[in-house]
């Protein structure tokens, strides 16, 4: 797979979750057995704005010069690794129901893919 293809996939994942958390955060939270009070709804919408913005950045820079992409892949690899750890802890402590494993797997795959392109296949091919 090419890095540009991976970035398009990540952008789409960001947009799907971002739009869901922006428009229907309580419904999305309920799918994972997460109950959101008004503070949680606000935080979900802040999170959604970041996801939508990251998706747009990835879409617009998917064919950028490798010097730009290596900074982006490193930054997002770190962020997605942290997201994976947070999701895993949330899942293992019972914050989410069984569907929460989907979130854990998505964060893991995104972090792993970014790590692969940044460290194991360090070219924009």
PDB file of N, CA and C in Angstrom:
ATOM      1  N   UNK A   1       0.844  -1.170   0.000  1.00  0.00           N
ATOM      2  CA  UNK A   1       0.000   0.000   0.000  1.00  0.00           C
ATOM      3  C   UNK A   1       0.892   1.237   0.000  1.00  0.00           C
ATOM      4  N   UNK A   2       0.451   2.243  -0.704  1.00  0.00           N
ATOM      5  CA  UNK A   2       1.188   3.503  -0.740  1.00  0.00           C
ATOM      6  C   UNK A   2       0.792   4.367   0.459  1.00  0.00           C
ATOM      7  N   UNK A   3       1.710   5.222   0.875  1.00  0.00           N
ATOM      8  CA  UNK A   3       1.424   6.131   1.983  1.00  0.00           C
ATOM      9  C   UNK A   3       0.217   7.005   1.665  1.00  0.00           C
ATOM     10  N   UNK A   4       0.122   7.500   0.446  1.00  0.00           N
ATOM     11  CA  UNK A   4      -1.009   8.366   0.104  1.00  0.00           C
ATOM     12  C   UNK A   4      -2.339   7.625   0.279  1.00  0.00           C
ATOM     13  N   UNK A   5      -2.375   6.345  -0.051  1.00  0.00           N
ATOM     14  CA  UNK A   5      -3.587   5.550   0.136  1.00  0.00           C
ATOM     15  C   UNK A   5      -3.901   5.391   1.619  1.00  0.00           C
ATOM     16  N   UNK A   6      -2.873   5.119   2.415  1.00  0.00           N
ATOM     17  CA  UNK A   6      -3.071   4.987   3.857  1.00  0.00           C
ATOM     18  C   UNK A   6      -3.600   6.293   4.454  1.00  0.00           C
ATOM     19  N   UNK A   7      -3.056   7.423   4.009  1.00  0.00           N
ATOM     20  CA  UNK A   7      -3.508   8.716   4.531  1.00  0.00           C
ATOM     21  C   UNK A   7      -4.955   9.004   4.145  1.00  0.00           C
ATOM     22  N   UNK A   8      -5.373   8.566   2.965  1.00  0.00           N
ATOM     23  CA  UNK A   8      -6.772   8.719   2.562  1.00  0.00           C
ATOM     24  C   UNK A   8      -7.666   7.879   3.478  1.00  0.00           C
ATOM     25  N   UNK A   9      -7.249   6.651   3.759  1.00  0.00           N
ATOM     26  CA  UNK A   9      -8.025   5.788   4.661  1.00  0.00           C
ATOM     27  C   UNK A   9      -8.132   6.415   6.045  1.00  0.00           C
ATOM     28  N   UNK A  10      -7.021   6.914   6.568  1.00  0.00           N
ATOM     29  CA  UNK A  10      -7.038   7.567   7.885  1.00  0.00           C
ATOM     30  C   UNK A  10      -7.930   8.800   7.866  1.00  0.00           C
ATOM     31  N   UNK A  11      -7.877   9.570   6.781  1.00  0.00           N
ATOM     32  CA  UNK A  11      -8.729  10.759   6.665  1.00  0.00           C
ATOM     33  C   UNK A  11     -10.205  10.368   6.723  1.00  0.00           C
ATOM     34  N   UNK A  12     -10.574   9.317   6.017  1.00  0.00           N
ATOM     35  CA  UNK A  12     -11.973   8.869   6.006  1.00  0.00           C
ATOM     36  C   UNK A  12     -12.397   8.399   7.395  1.00  0.00           C
ATOM     37  N   UNK A  13     -11.534   7.647   8.068  1.00  0.00           N
ATOM     38  CA  UNK A  13     -11.841   7.200   9.440  1.00  0.00           C
ATOM     39  C   UNK A  13     -12.039   8.424  10.344  1.00  0.00           C
ATOM     40  N   UNK A  14     -11.158   9.404  10.221  1.00  0.00           N
ATOM     41  CA  UNK A  14     -11.282  10.627  11.023  1.00  0.00           C
ATOM     42  C   UNK A  14     -12.603  11.332  10.743  1.00  0.00           C
ATOM     43  N   UNK A  15     -12.970  11.433   9.489  1.00  0.00           N
ATOM     44  CA  UNK A  15     -14.219  12.115   9.133  1.00  0.00           C
ATOM     45  C   UNK A  15     -15.443  11.369   9.637  1.00  0.00           C
ATOM     46  N   UNK A  16     -15.455  10.054   9.503  1.00  0.00           N
ATOM     47  CA  UNK A  16     -16.616   9.274   9.946  1.00  0.00           C
ATOM     48  C   UNK A  16     -16.824   9.446  11.449  1.00  0.00           C
ATOM     49  N   UNK A  17     -15.766   9.234  12.221  1.00  0.00           N
ATOM     50  CA  UNK A  17     -15.901   9.400  13.668  1.00  0.00           C
ATOM     51  C   UNK A  17     -16.106  10.862  14.043  1.00  0.00           C
ATOM     52  N   UNK A  18     -15.427  11.760  13.371  1.00  0.00           N
ATOM     53  CA  UNK A  18     -15.568  13.186  13.659  1.00  0.00           C
ATOM     54  C   UNK A  18     -16.990  13.676  13.447  1.00  0.00           C
ATOM     55  N   UNK A  19     -17.579  13.307  12.324  1.00  0.00           N
ATOM     56  CA  UNK A  19     -18.955  13.727  12.045  1.00  0.00           C
ATOM     57  C   UNK A  19     -19.912  13.104  13.059  1.00  0.00           C
ATOM     58  N   UNK A  20     -19.690  11.838  13.386  1.00  0.00           N
ATOM     59  CA  UNK A  20     -20.540  11.184  14.383  1.00  0.00           C
ATOM     60  C   UNK A  20     -20.463  11.860  15.743  1.00  0.00           C
ATOM     61  N   UNK A  21     -19.233  12.126  16.204  1.00  0.00           N
ATOM     62  CA  UNK A  21     -19.067  12.781  17.509  1.00  0.00           C
ATOM     63  C   UNK A  21     -19.531  14.232  17.494  1.00  0.00           C
ATOM     64  N   UNK A  22     -19.511  14.883  16.337  1.00  0.00           N
ATOM     65  CA  UNK A  22     -19.969  16.273  16.256  1.00  0.00           C
ATOM     66  C   UNK A  22     -21.489  16.366  16.258  1.00  0.00           C
ATOM     67  N   UNK A  23     -22.139  15.501  15.482  1.00  0.00           N
ATOM     68  CA  UNK A  23     -23.582  15.624  15.298  1.00  0.00           C
ATOM     69  C   UNK A  23     -24.407  14.829  16.303  1.00  0.00           C
ATOM     70  N   UNK A  24     -23.935  13.632  16.637  1.00  0.00           N
ATOM     71  CA  UNK A  24     -24.724  12.759  17.520  1.00  0.00           C
ATOM     72  C   UNK A  24     -23.827  12.104  18.582  1.00  0.00           C
ATOM     73  N   UNK A  25     -23.163  12.919  19.411  1.00  0.00           N
ATOM     74  CA  UNK A  25     -22.217  12.350  20.377  1.00  0.00           C
ATOM     75  C   UNK A  25     -22.858  11.408  21.390  1.00  0.00           C
ATOM     76  N   UNK A  26     -24.062  11.693  21.821  1.00  0.00           N
ATOM     77  CA  UNK A  26     -24.712  10.824  22.804  1.00  0.00           C
ATOM     78  C   UNK A  26     -25.015   9.466  22.174  1.00  0.00           C
ATOM     79  N   UNK A  27     -25.479   9.468  20.945  1.00  0.00           N
ATOM     80  CA  UNK A  27     -25.777   8.214  20.247  1.00  0.00           C
ATOM     81  C   UNK A  27     -24.505   7.398  20.036  1.00  0.00           C
ATOM     82  N   UNK A  28     -23.440   8.049  19.598  1.00  0.00           N
ATOM     83  CA  UNK A  28     -22.175   7.349  19.393  1.00  0.00           C
ATOM     84  C   UNK A  28     -21.666   6.797  20.721  1.00  0.00           C
ATOM     85  N   UNK A  29     -21.714   7.604  21.754  1.00  0.00           N
ATOM     86  CA  UNK A  29     -21.277   7.142  23.069  1.00  0.00           C
ATOM     87  C   UNK A  29     -22.093   5.960  23.557  1.00  0.00           C
ATOM     88  N   UNK A  30     -23.403   6.003  23.348  1.00  0.00           N
ATOM     89  CA  UNK A  30     -24.285   4.927  23.780  1.00  0.00           C
ATOM     90  C   UNK A  30     -23.936   3.610  23.091  1.00  0.00           C
ATOM     91  N   UNK A  31     -23.483   3.674  21.844  1.00  0.00           N
ATOM     92  CA  UNK A  31     -23.086   2.449  21.129  1.00  0.00           C
ATOM     93  C   UNK A  31     -21.991   1.708  21.884  1.00  0.00           C
ATOM     94  N   UNK A  32     -21.145   2.456  22.587  1.00  0.00           N
ATOM     95  CA  UNK A  32     -20.022   1.868  23.319  1.00  0.00           C
ATOM     96  C   UNK A  32     -20.273   1.828  24.824  1.00  0.00           C
ATOM     97  N   UNK A  33     -21.513   2.056  25.239  1.00  0.00           N
ATOM     98  CA  UNK A  33     -21.916   2.071  26.653  1.00  0.00           C
ATOM     99  C   UNK A  33     -21.245   3.204  27.418  1.00  0.00           C
ATOM    100  N   UNK A  34     -21.002   4.313  26.740  1.00  0.00           N
ATOM    101  CA  UNK A  34     -20.439   5.504  27.383  1.00  0.00           C
ATOM    102  C   UNK A  34     -21.569   6.513  27.524  1.00  0.00           C
ATOM    103  N   UNK A  35     -21.865   6.901  28.758  1.00  0.00           N
ATOM    104  CA  UNK A  35     -22.911   7.875  29.019  1.00  0.00           C
ATOM    105  C   UNK A  35     -22.309   9.267  29.086  1.00  0.00           C
ATOM    106  N   UNK A  36     -22.792  10.151  28.232  1.00  0.00           N
ATOM    107  CA  UNK A  36     -22.253  11.502  28.170  1.00  0.00           C
ATOM    108  C   UNK A  36     -23.199  12.496  28.836  1.00  0.00           C
ATOM    109  N   UNK A  37     -22.685  13.228  29.811  1.00  0.00           N
ATOM    110  CA  UNK A  37     -23.421  14.348  30.368  1.00  0.00           C
ATOM    111  C   UNK A  37     -23.121  15.559  29.470  1.00  0.00           C
ATOM    112  N   UNK A  38     -23.689  16.721  29.742  1.00  0.00           N
ATOM    113  CA  UNK A  38     -23.428  17.883  28.885  1.00  0.00           C
ATOM    114  C   UNK A  38     -21.939  18.224  28.747  1.00  0.00           C
ATOM    115  N   UNK A  39     -21.152  18.011  29.805  1.00  0.00           N
ATOM    116  CA  UNK A  39     -19.704  18.251  29.708  1.00  0.00           C
ATOM    117  C   UNK A  39     -19.052  17.262  28.738  1.00  0.00           C
ATOM    118  N   UNK A  40     -19.478  16.013  28.801  1.00  0.00           N
ATOM    119  CA  UNK A  40     -18.958  15.000  27.899  1.00  0.00           C
ATOM    120  C   UNK A  40     -19.333  15.267  26.451  1.00  0.00           C
ATOM    121  N   UNK A  41     -20.546  15.774  26.236  1.00  0.00           N
ATOM    122  CA  UNK A  41     -20.976  16.143  24.882  1.00  0.00           C
ATOM    123  C   UNK A  41     -20.072  17.248  24.333  1.00  0.00           C
ATOM    124  N   UNK A  42     -19.783  18.240  25.153  1.00  0.00           N
ATOM    125  CA  UNK A  42     -18.908  19.335  24.727  1.00  0.00           C
ATOM    126  C   UNK A  42     -17.515  18.805  24.388  1.00  0.00           C
ATOM    127  N   UNK A  43     -16.967  17.961  25.253  1.00  0.00           N
ATOM    128  CA  UNK A  43     -15.635  17.405  24.988  1.00  0.00           C
ATOM    129  C   UNK A  43     -15.642  16.532  23.736  1.00  0.00           C
ATOM    130  N   UNK A  44     -16.712  15.777  23.516  1.00  0.00           N
ATOM    131  CA  UNK A  44     -16.820  14.961  22.303  1.00  0.00           C
ATOM    132  C   UNK A  44     -16.817  15.835  21.056  1.00  0.00           C
ATOM    133  N   UNK A  45     -17.480  16.957  21.147  1.00  0.00           N
ATOM    134  CA  UNK A  45     -17.522  17.856  19.986  1.00  0.00           C
ATOM    135  C   UNK A  45     -16.175  18.541  19.758  1.00  0.00           C
ATOM    136  N   UNK A  46     -15.449  18.846  20.820  1.00  0.00           N
ATOM    137  CA  UNK A  46     -14.072  19.343  20.638  1.00  0.00           C
ATOM    138  C   UNK A  46     -13.224  18.269  19.952  1.00  0.00           C
ATOM    139  N   UNK A  47     -13.337  17.025  20.417  1.00  0.00           N
ATOM    140  CA  UNK A  47     -12.622  15.900  19.824  1.00  0.00           C
ATOM    141  C   UNK A  47     -12.996  15.751  18.348  1.00  0.00           C
ATOM    142  N   UNK A  48     -14.286  15.900  18.060  1.00  0.00           N
ATOM    143  CA  UNK A  48     -14.768  15.792  16.677  1.00  0.00           C
ATOM    144  C   UNK A  48     -14.132  16.851  15.789  1.00  0.00           C
ATOM    145  N   UNK A  49     -14.012  18.061  16.301  1.00  0.00           N
ATOM    146  CA  UNK A  49     -13.414  19.125  15.480  1.00  0.00           C
ATOM    147  C   UNK A  49     -11.965  18.788  15.138  1.00  0.00           C
ATOM    148  N   UNK A  50     -11.250  18.199  16.064  1.00  0.00           N
ATOM    149  CA  UNK A  50      -9.868  17.787  15.795  1.00  0.00           C
ATOM    150  C   UNK A  50      -9.811  16.662  14.767  1.00  0.00           C
ATOM    151  N   UNK A  51     -10.691  15.681  14.897  1.00  0.00           N
ATOM    152  CA  UNK A  51     -10.707  14.586  13.932  1.00  0.00           C
ATOM    153  C   UNK A  51     -11.007  15.087  12.519  1.00  0.00           C
ATOM    154  N   UNK A  52     -11.988  15.956  12.407  1.00  0.00           N
ATOM    155  CA  UNK A  52     -12.338  16.496  11.092  1.00  0.00           C
ATOM    156  C   UNK A  52     -11.173  17.301  10.523  1.00  0.00           C
ATOM    157  N   UNK A  53     -10.522  18.096  11.361  1.00  0.00           N
ATOM    158  CA  UNK A  53      -9.368  18.871  10.910  1.00  0.00           C
ATOM    159  C   UNK A  53      -8.200  17.998  10.495  1.00  0.00           C
ATOM    160  N   UNK A  54      -7.912  16.956  11.262  1.00  0.00           N
ATOM    161  CA  UNK A  54      -6.830  16.026  10.901  1.00  0.00           C
ATOM    162  C   UNK A  54      -7.157  15.342   9.575  1.00  0.00           C
ATOM    163  N   UNK A  55      -8.396  14.935   9.411  1.00  0.00           N
ATOM    164  CA  UNK A  55      -8.797  14.316   8.149  1.00  0.00           C
ATOM    165  C   UNK A  55      -8.577  15.242   6.964  1.00  0.00           C
ATOM    166  N   UNK A  56      -8.915  16.505   7.136  1.00  0.00           N
ATOM    167  CA  UNK A  56      -8.719  17.480   6.052  1.00  0.00           C
ATOM    168  C   UNK A  56      -7.238  17.694   5.761  1.00  0.00           C
ATOM    169  N   UNK A  57      -6.432  17.813   6.801  1.00  0.00           N
ATOM    170  CA  UNK A  57      -4.983  17.959   6.609  1.00  0.00           C
ATOM    171  C   UNK A  57      -4.428  16.770   5.840  1.00  0.00           C
ATOM    172  N   UNK A  58      -4.810  15.571   6.231  1.00  0.00           N
ATOM    173  CA  UNK A  58      -4.303  14.373   5.563  1.00  0.00           C
ATOM    174  C   UNK A  58      -4.745  14.314   4.110  1.00  0.00           C
ATOM    175  N   UNK A  59      -5.984  14.673   3.861  1.00  0.00           N
ATOM    176  CA  UNK A  59      -6.490  14.665   2.490  1.00  0.00           C
ATOM    177  C   UNK A  59      -5.715  15.657   1.617  1.00  0.00           C
ATOM    178  N   UNK A  60      -5.507  16.839   2.126  1.00  0.00           N
ATOM    179  CA  UNK A  60      -4.857  17.882   1.331  1.00  0.00           C
ATOM    180  C   UNK A  60      -3.358  17.637   1.156  1.00  0.00           C
ATOM    181  N   UNK A  61      -2.729  16.950   2.105  1.00  0.00           N
ATOM    182  CA  UNK A  61      -1.279  16.735   2.037  1.00  0.00           C
ATOM    183  C   UNK A  61      -0.897  15.300   1.661  1.00  0.00           C
ATOM    184  N   UNK A  62      -1.843  14.511   1.224  1.00  0.00           N
ATOM    185  CA  UNK A  62      -1.565  13.100   0.947  1.00  0.00           C
ATOM    186  C   UNK A  62      -0.471  12.890  -0.095  1.00  0.00           C
ATOM    187  N   UNK A  63      -0.261  13.842  -0.981  1.00  0.00           N
ATOM    188  CA  UNK A  63       0.774  13.723  -2.015  1.00  0.00           C
ATOM    189  C   UNK A  63       1.891  14.740  -1.830  1.00  0.00           C
ATOM    190  N   UNK A  64       2.048  15.223  -0.612  1.00  0.00           N
ATOM    191  CA  UNK A  64       3.069  16.237  -0.330  1.00  0.00           C
ATOM    192  C   UNK A  64       4.475  15.639  -0.394  1.00  0.00           C
ATOM    193  N   UNK A  65       5.452  16.512  -0.345  1.00  0.00           N
ATOM    194  CA  UNK A  65       6.855  16.120  -0.323  1.00  0.00           C
ATOM    195  C   UNK A  65       7.138  15.265   0.914  1.00  0.00           C
ATOM    196  N   UNK A  66       8.043  14.298   0.775  1.00  0.00           N
ATOM    197  CA  UNK A  66       8.357  13.382   1.871  1.00  0.00           C
ATOM    198  C   UNK A  66       8.836  14.113   3.110  1.00  0.00           C
ATOM    199  N   UNK A  67       9.548  15.228   2.973  1.00  0.00           N
ATOM    200  CA  UNK A  67      10.018  15.970   4.147  1.00  0.00           C
ATOM    201  C   UNK A  67       8.855  16.474   4.992  1.00  0.00           C
ATOM    202  N   UNK A  68       7.760  16.797   4.373  1.00  0.00           N
ATOM    203  CA  UNK A  68       6.554  17.201   5.107  1.00  0.00           C
ATOM    204  C   UNK A  68       5.855  15.961   5.678  1.00  0.00           C
ATOM    205  N   UNK A  69       5.739  14.932   4.862  1.00  0.00           N
ATOM    206  CA  UNK A  69       5.016  13.727   5.293  1.00  0.00           C
ATOM    207  C   UNK A  69       5.705  12.994   6.433  1.00  0.00           C
ATOM    208  N   UNK A  70       7.041  13.054   6.490  1.00  0.00           N
ATOM    209  CA  UNK A  70       7.693  12.338   7.593  1.00  0.00           C
ATOM    210  C   UNK A  70       7.418  13.025   8.927  1.00  0.00           C
ATOM    211  N   UNK A  71       7.240  14.327   8.928  1.00  0.00           N
ATOM    212  CA  UNK A  71       6.866  15.047  10.149  1.00  0.00           C
ATOM    213  C   UNK A  71       5.425  14.706  10.535  1.00  0.00           C
ATOM    214  N   UNK A  72       4.553  14.674   9.543  1.00  0.00           N
ATOM    215  CA  UNK A  72       3.148  14.362   9.798  1.00  0.00           C
ATOM    216  C   UNK A  72       2.997  12.927  10.291  1.00  0.00           C
ATOM    217  N   UNK A  73       3.677  11.980   9.628  1.00  0.00           N
ATOM    218  CA  UNK A  73       3.537  10.583  10.044  1.00  0.00           C
ATOM    219  C   UNK A  73       4.095  10.356  11.440  1.00  0.00           C
ATOM    220  N   UNK A  74       5.192  11.012  11.784  1.00  0.00           N
ATOM    221  CA  UNK A  74       5.741  10.878  13.133  1.00  0.00           C
ATOM    222  C   UNK A  74       4.778  11.457  14.169  1.00  0.00           C
ATOM    223  N   UNK A  75       4.281  12.651  13.918  1.00  0.00           N
ATOM    224  CA  UNK A  75       3.365  13.304  14.858  1.00  0.00           C
ATOM    225  C   UNK A  75       2.108  12.481  15.073  1.00  0.00           C
ATOM    226  N   UNK A  76       1.525  12.004  13.986  1.00  0.00           N
ATOM    227  CA  UNK A  76       0.295  11.233  14.110  1.00  0.00           C
ATOM    228  C   UNK A  76       0.539   9.835  14.664  1.00  0.00           C
ATOM    229  N   UNK A  77       1.719   9.285  14.419  1.00  0.00           N
ATOM    230  CA  UNK A  77       2.066   7.992  15.021  1.00  0.00           C
ATOM    231  C   UNK A  77       2.094   8.124  16.542  1.00  0.00           C
ATOM    232  N   UNK A  78       2.694   9.183  17.044  1.00  0.00           N
ATOM    233  CA  UNK A  78       2.730   9.420  18.492  1.00  0.00           C
ATOM    234  C   UNK A  78       1.309   9.618  19.021  1.00  0.00           C
ATOM    235  N   UNK A  79       0.522  10.467  18.344  1.00  0.00           N
ATOM    236  CA  UNK A  79      -0.843  10.737  18.786  1.00  0.00           C
ATOM    237  C   UNK A  79      -1.706   9.478  18.757  1.00  0.00           C
ATOM    238  N   UNK A  80      -1.598   8.699  17.688  1.00  0.00           N
ATOM    239  CA  UNK A  80      -2.410   7.494  17.583  1.00  0.00           C
ATOM    240  C   UNK A  80      -1.960   6.405  18.556  1.00  0.00           C
ATOM    241  N   UNK A  81      -0.683   6.368  18.886  1.00  0.00           N
ATOM    242  CA  UNK A  81      -0.207   5.431  19.902  1.00  0.00           C
ATOM    243  C   UNK A  81      -0.801   5.794  21.259  1.00  0.00           C
ATOM    244  N   UNK A  82      -0.819   7.076  21.570  1.00  0.00           N
ATOM    245  CA  UNK A  82      -1.451   7.524  22.818  1.00  0.00           C
ATOM    246  C   UNK A  82      -2.944   7.192  22.791  1.00  0.00           C
ATOM    247  N   UNK A  83      -3.606   7.436  21.648  1.00  0.00           N
ATOM    248  CA  UNK A  83      -5.021   7.085  21.505  1.00  0.00           C
ATOM    249  C   UNK A  83      -5.264   5.607  21.713  1.00  0.00           C
ATOM    250  N   UNK A  84      -4.367   4.772  21.184  1.00  0.00           N
ATOM    251  CA  UNK A  84      -4.480   3.328  21.376  1.00  0.00           C
ATOM    252  C   UNK A  84      -4.385   2.978  22.860  1.00  0.00           C
ATOM    253  N   UNK A  85      -3.422   3.564  23.556  1.00  0.00           N
ATOM    254  CA  UNK A  85      -3.235   3.270  24.989  1.00  0.00           C
ATOM    255  C   UNK A  85      -4.468   3.701  25.782  1.00  0.00           C
ATOM    256  N   UNK A  86      -4.975   4.892  25.487  1.00  0.00           N
ATOM    257  CA  UNK A  86      -6.173   5.383  26.182  1.00  0.00           C
ATOM    258  C   UNK A  86      -7.357   4.460  25.917  1.00  0.00           C
ATOM    259  N   UNK A  87      -7.549   4.074  24.649  1.00  0.00           N
ATOM    260  CA  UNK A  87      -8.663   3.183  24.307  1.00  0.00           C
ATOM    261  C   UNK A  87      -8.508   1.818  24.980  1.00  0.00           C
ATOM    262  N   UNK A  88      -7.283   1.291  24.990  1.00  0.00           N
ATOM    263  CA  UNK A  88      -7.037  -0.006  25.616  1.00  0.00           C
ATOM    264  C   UNK A  88      -7.312   0.048  27.115  1.00  0.00           C
ATOM    265  N   UNK A  89      -6.834   1.080  27.782  1.00  0.00           N
ATOM    266  CA  UNK A  89      -7.093   1.235  29.218  1.00  0.00           C
ATOM    267  C   UNK A  89      -8.595   1.367  29.463  1.00  0.00           C
ATOM    268  N   UNK A  90      -9.262   2.162  28.627  1.00  0.00           N
ATOM    269  CA  UNK A  90     -10.712   2.302  28.765  1.00  0.00           C
ATOM    270  C   UNK A  90     -11.437   0.982  28.589  1.00  0.00           C
ATOM    271  N   UNK A  91     -10.976   0.197  27.651  1.00  0.00           N
ATOM    272  CA  UNK A  91     -11.604  -1.103  27.411  1.00  0.00           C
ATOM    273  C   UNK A  91     -11.324  -2.075  28.549  1.00  0.00           C
ATOM    274  N   UNK A  92     -10.078  -2.131  28.988  1.00  0.00           N
ATOM    275  CA  UNK A  92      -9.705  -3.088  30.038  1.00  0.00           C
ATOM    276  C   UNK A  92     -10.292  -2.738  31.399  1.00  0.00           C
ATOM    277  N   UNK A  93     -10.621  -1.456  31.615  1.00  0.00           N
ATOM    278  CA  UNK A  93     -11.212  -1.052  32.894  1.00  0.00           C
ATOM    279  C   UNK A  93     -12.738  -1.055  32.849  1.00  0.00           C
ATOM    280  N   UNK A  94     -13.315  -1.484  31.722  1.00  0.00           N
ATOM    281  CA  UNK A  94     -14.763  -1.612  31.647  1.00  0.00           C
ATOM    282  C   UNK A  94     -15.519  -0.342  31.334  1.00  0.00           C
ATOM    283  N   UNK A  95     -14.833   0.687  30.882  1.00  0.00           N
ATOM    284  CA  UNK A  95     -15.527   1.930  30.530  1.00  0.00           C
ATOM    285  C   UNK A  95     -16.405   1.730  29.299  1.00  0.00           C
ATOM    286  N   UNK A  96     -15.941   0.890  28.369  1.00  0.00           N
ATOM    287  CA  UNK A  96     -16.694   0.633  27.142  1.00  0.00           C
ATOM    288  C   UNK A  96     -17.169  -0.821  27.123  1.00  0.00           C
ATOM    289  N   UNK A  97     -18.212  -1.066  26.345  1.00  0.00           N
ATOM    290  CA  UNK A  97     -18.694  -2.435  26.182  1.00  0.00           C
ATOM    291  C   UNK A  97     -17.830  -3.169  25.156  1.00  0.00           C
ATOM    292  N   UNK A  98     -18.258  -4.328  24.718  1.00  0.00           N
ATOM    293  CA  UNK A  98     -17.488  -5.139  23.781  1.00  0.00           C
ATOM    294  C   UNK A  98     -17.170  -4.445  22.466  1.00  0.00           C
ATOM    295  N   UNK A  99     -18.041  -3.530  22.027  1.00  0.00           N
ATOM    296  CA  UNK A  99     -17.759  -2.792  20.793  1.00  0.00           C
ATOM    297  C   UNK A  99     -16.537  -1.883  20.931  1.00  0.00           C
ATOM    298  N   UNK A 100     -16.146  -1.603  22.156  1.00  0.00           N
ATOM    299  CA  UNK A 100     -14.973  -0.768  22.387  1.00  0.00           C
ATOM    300  C   UNK A 100     -13.704  -1.377  21.806  1.00  0.00           C
ATOM    301  N   UNK A 101     -13.693  -2.703  21.648  1.00  0.00           N
ATOM    302  CA  UNK A 101     -12.520  -3.341  21.043  1.00  0.00           C
ATOM    303  C   UNK A 101     -12.311  -2.864  19.609  1.00  0.00           C
ATOM    304  N   UNK A 102     -13.397  -2.484  18.937  1.00  0.00           N
ATOM    305  CA  UNK A 102     -13.258  -1.941  17.579  1.00  0.00           C
ATOM    306  C   UNK A 102     -12.428  -0.661  17.616  1.00  0.00           C
ATOM    307  N   UNK A 103     -12.683   0.193  18.600  1.00  0.00           N
ATOM    308  CA  UNK A 103     -11.934   1.443  18.745  1.00  0.00           C
ATOM    309  C   UNK A 103     -10.462   1.134  19.049  1.00  0.00           C
ATOM    310  N   UNK A 104     -10.225   0.178  19.932  1.00  0.00           N
ATOM    311  CA  UNK A 104      -8.855  -0.214  20.263  1.00  0.00           C
ATOM    312  C   UNK A 104      -8.124  -0.690  19.005  1.00  0.00           C
ATOM    313  N   UNK A 105      -8.776  -1.527  18.237  1.00  0.00           N
ATOM    314  CA  UNK A 105      -8.159  -2.074  17.018  1.00  0.00           C
ATOM    315  C   UNK A 105      -7.900  -0.972  15.991  1.00  0.00           C
ATOM    316  N   UNK A 106      -8.843  -0.058  15.830  1.00  0.00           N
ATOM    317  CA  UNK A 106      -8.649   1.042  14.866  1.00  0.00           C
ATOM    318  C   UNK A 106      -7.441   1.882  15.261  1.00  0.00           C
ATOM    319  N   UNK A 107      -7.353   2.273  16.538  1.00  0.00           N
ATOM    320  CA  UNK A 107      -6.199   3.074  16.986  1.00  0.00           C
ATOM    321  C   UNK A 107      -4.900   2.307  16.771  1.00  0.00           C
ATOM    322  N   UNK A 108      -4.915   1.001  17.072  1.00  0.00           N
ATOM    323  CA  UNK A 108      -3.711   0.188  16.898  1.00  0.00           C
ATOM    324  C   UNK A 108      -3.291   0.134  15.434  1.00  0.00           C
ATOM    325  N   UNK A 109      -4.235  -0.122  14.547  1.00  0.00           N
ATOM    326  CA  UNK A 109      -3.917  -0.212  13.122  1.00  0.00           C
ATOM    327  C   UNK A 109      -3.411   1.119  12.566  1.00  0.00           C
ATOM    328  N   UNK A 110      -4.032   2.214  12.982  1.00  0.00           N
ATOM    329  CA  UNK A 110      -3.580   3.525  12.508  1.00  0.00           C
ATOM    330  C   UNK A 110      -2.182   3.841  13.027  1.00  0.00           C
ATOM    331  N   UNK A 111      -1.938   3.593  14.307  1.00  0.00           N
ATOM    332  CA  UNK A 111      -0.608   3.850  14.872  1.00  0.00           C
ATOM    333  C   UNK A 111       0.438   2.958  14.214  1.00  0.00           C
ATOM    334  N   UNK A 112       0.101   1.691  14.019  1.00  0.00           N
ATOM    335  CA  UNK A 112       1.039   0.757  13.392  1.00  0.00           C
ATOM    336  C   UNK A 112       1.340   1.150  11.954  1.00  0.00           C
ATOM    337  N   UNK A 113       0.311   1.525  11.216  1.00  0.00           N
ATOM    338  CA  UNK A 113       0.509   1.933   9.831  1.00  0.00           C
ATOM    339  C   UNK A 113       1.377   3.169   9.712  1.00  0.00           C
ATOM    340  N   UNK A 114       1.118   4.139  10.557  1.00  0.00           N
ATOM    341  CA  UNK A 114       1.938   5.356  10.538  1.00  0.00           C
ATOM    342  C   UNK A 114       3.371   5.045  10.940  1.00  0.00           C
ATOM    343  N   UNK A 115       3.542   4.179  11.930  1.00  0.00           N
ATOM    344  CA  UNK A 115       4.887   3.772  12.334  1.00  0.00           C
ATOM    345  C   UNK A 115       5.612   3.044  11.217  1.00  0.00           C
ATOM    346  N   UNK A 116       4.889   2.201  10.501  1.00  0.00           N
ATOM    347  CA  UNK A 116       5.478   1.476   9.379  1.00  0.00           C
ATOM    348  C   UNK A 116       5.982   2.455   8.318  1.00  0.00           C
ATOM    349  N   UNK A 117       5.116   3.372   7.907  1.00  0.00           N
ATOM    350  CA  UNK A 117       5.518   4.312   6.857  1.00  0.00           C
ATOM    351  C   UNK A 117       6.606   5.270   7.324  1.00  0.00           C
ATOM    352  N   UNK A 118       6.632   5.587   8.603  1.00  0.00           N
ATOM    353  CA  UNK A 118       7.634   6.528   9.093  1.00  0.00           C
ATOM    354  C   UNK A 118       8.996   5.867   9.330  1.00  0.00           C
ATOM    355  N   UNK A 119       8.981   4.663   9.888  1.00  0.00           N
ATOM    356  CA  UNK A 119      10.239   4.056  10.317  1.00  0.00           C
ATOM    357  C   UNK A 119      10.715   2.871   9.478  1.00  0.00           C
ATOM    358  N   UNK A 120       9.801   2.063   8.964  1.00  0.00           N
ATOM    359  CA  UNK A 120      10.205   0.867   8.247  1.00  0.00           C
ATOM    360  C   UNK A 120      10.218   1.044   6.733  1.00  0.00           C
ATOM    361  N   UNK A 121       9.437   1.961   6.241  1.00  0.00           N
ATOM    362  CA  UNK A 121       9.381   2.231   4.806  1.00  0.00           C
ATOM    363  C   UNK A 121       9.470   3.741   4.616  1.00  0.00           C
ATOM    364  N   UNK A 122      10.604   4.325   4.988  1.00  0.00           N
ATOM    365  CA  UNK A 122      10.715   5.790   5.040  1.00  0.00           C
ATOM    366  C   UNK A 122      10.886   6.469   3.679  1.00  0.00           C
ATOM    367  N   UNK A 123       9.965   6.236   2.789  1.00  0.00           N
ATOM    368  CA  UNK A 123       9.892   6.991   1.538  1.00  0.00           C
ATOM    369  C   UNK A 123       8.430   7.168   1.204  1.00  0.00           C
ATOM    370  N   UNK A 124       8.137   8.116   0.364  1.00  0.00           N
ATOM    371  CA  UNK A 124       6.759   8.389  -0.011  1.00  0.00           C
ATOM    372  C   UNK A 124       6.380   7.528  -1.220  1.00  0.00           C
ATOM    373  N   UNK A 125       6.396   6.211  -1.035  1.00  0.00           N
ATOM    374  CA  UNK A 125       6.015   5.304  -2.116  1.00  0.00           C
ATOM    375  C   UNK A 125       4.915   4.370  -1.662  1.00  0.00           C
TER     376      UNK A 125
END
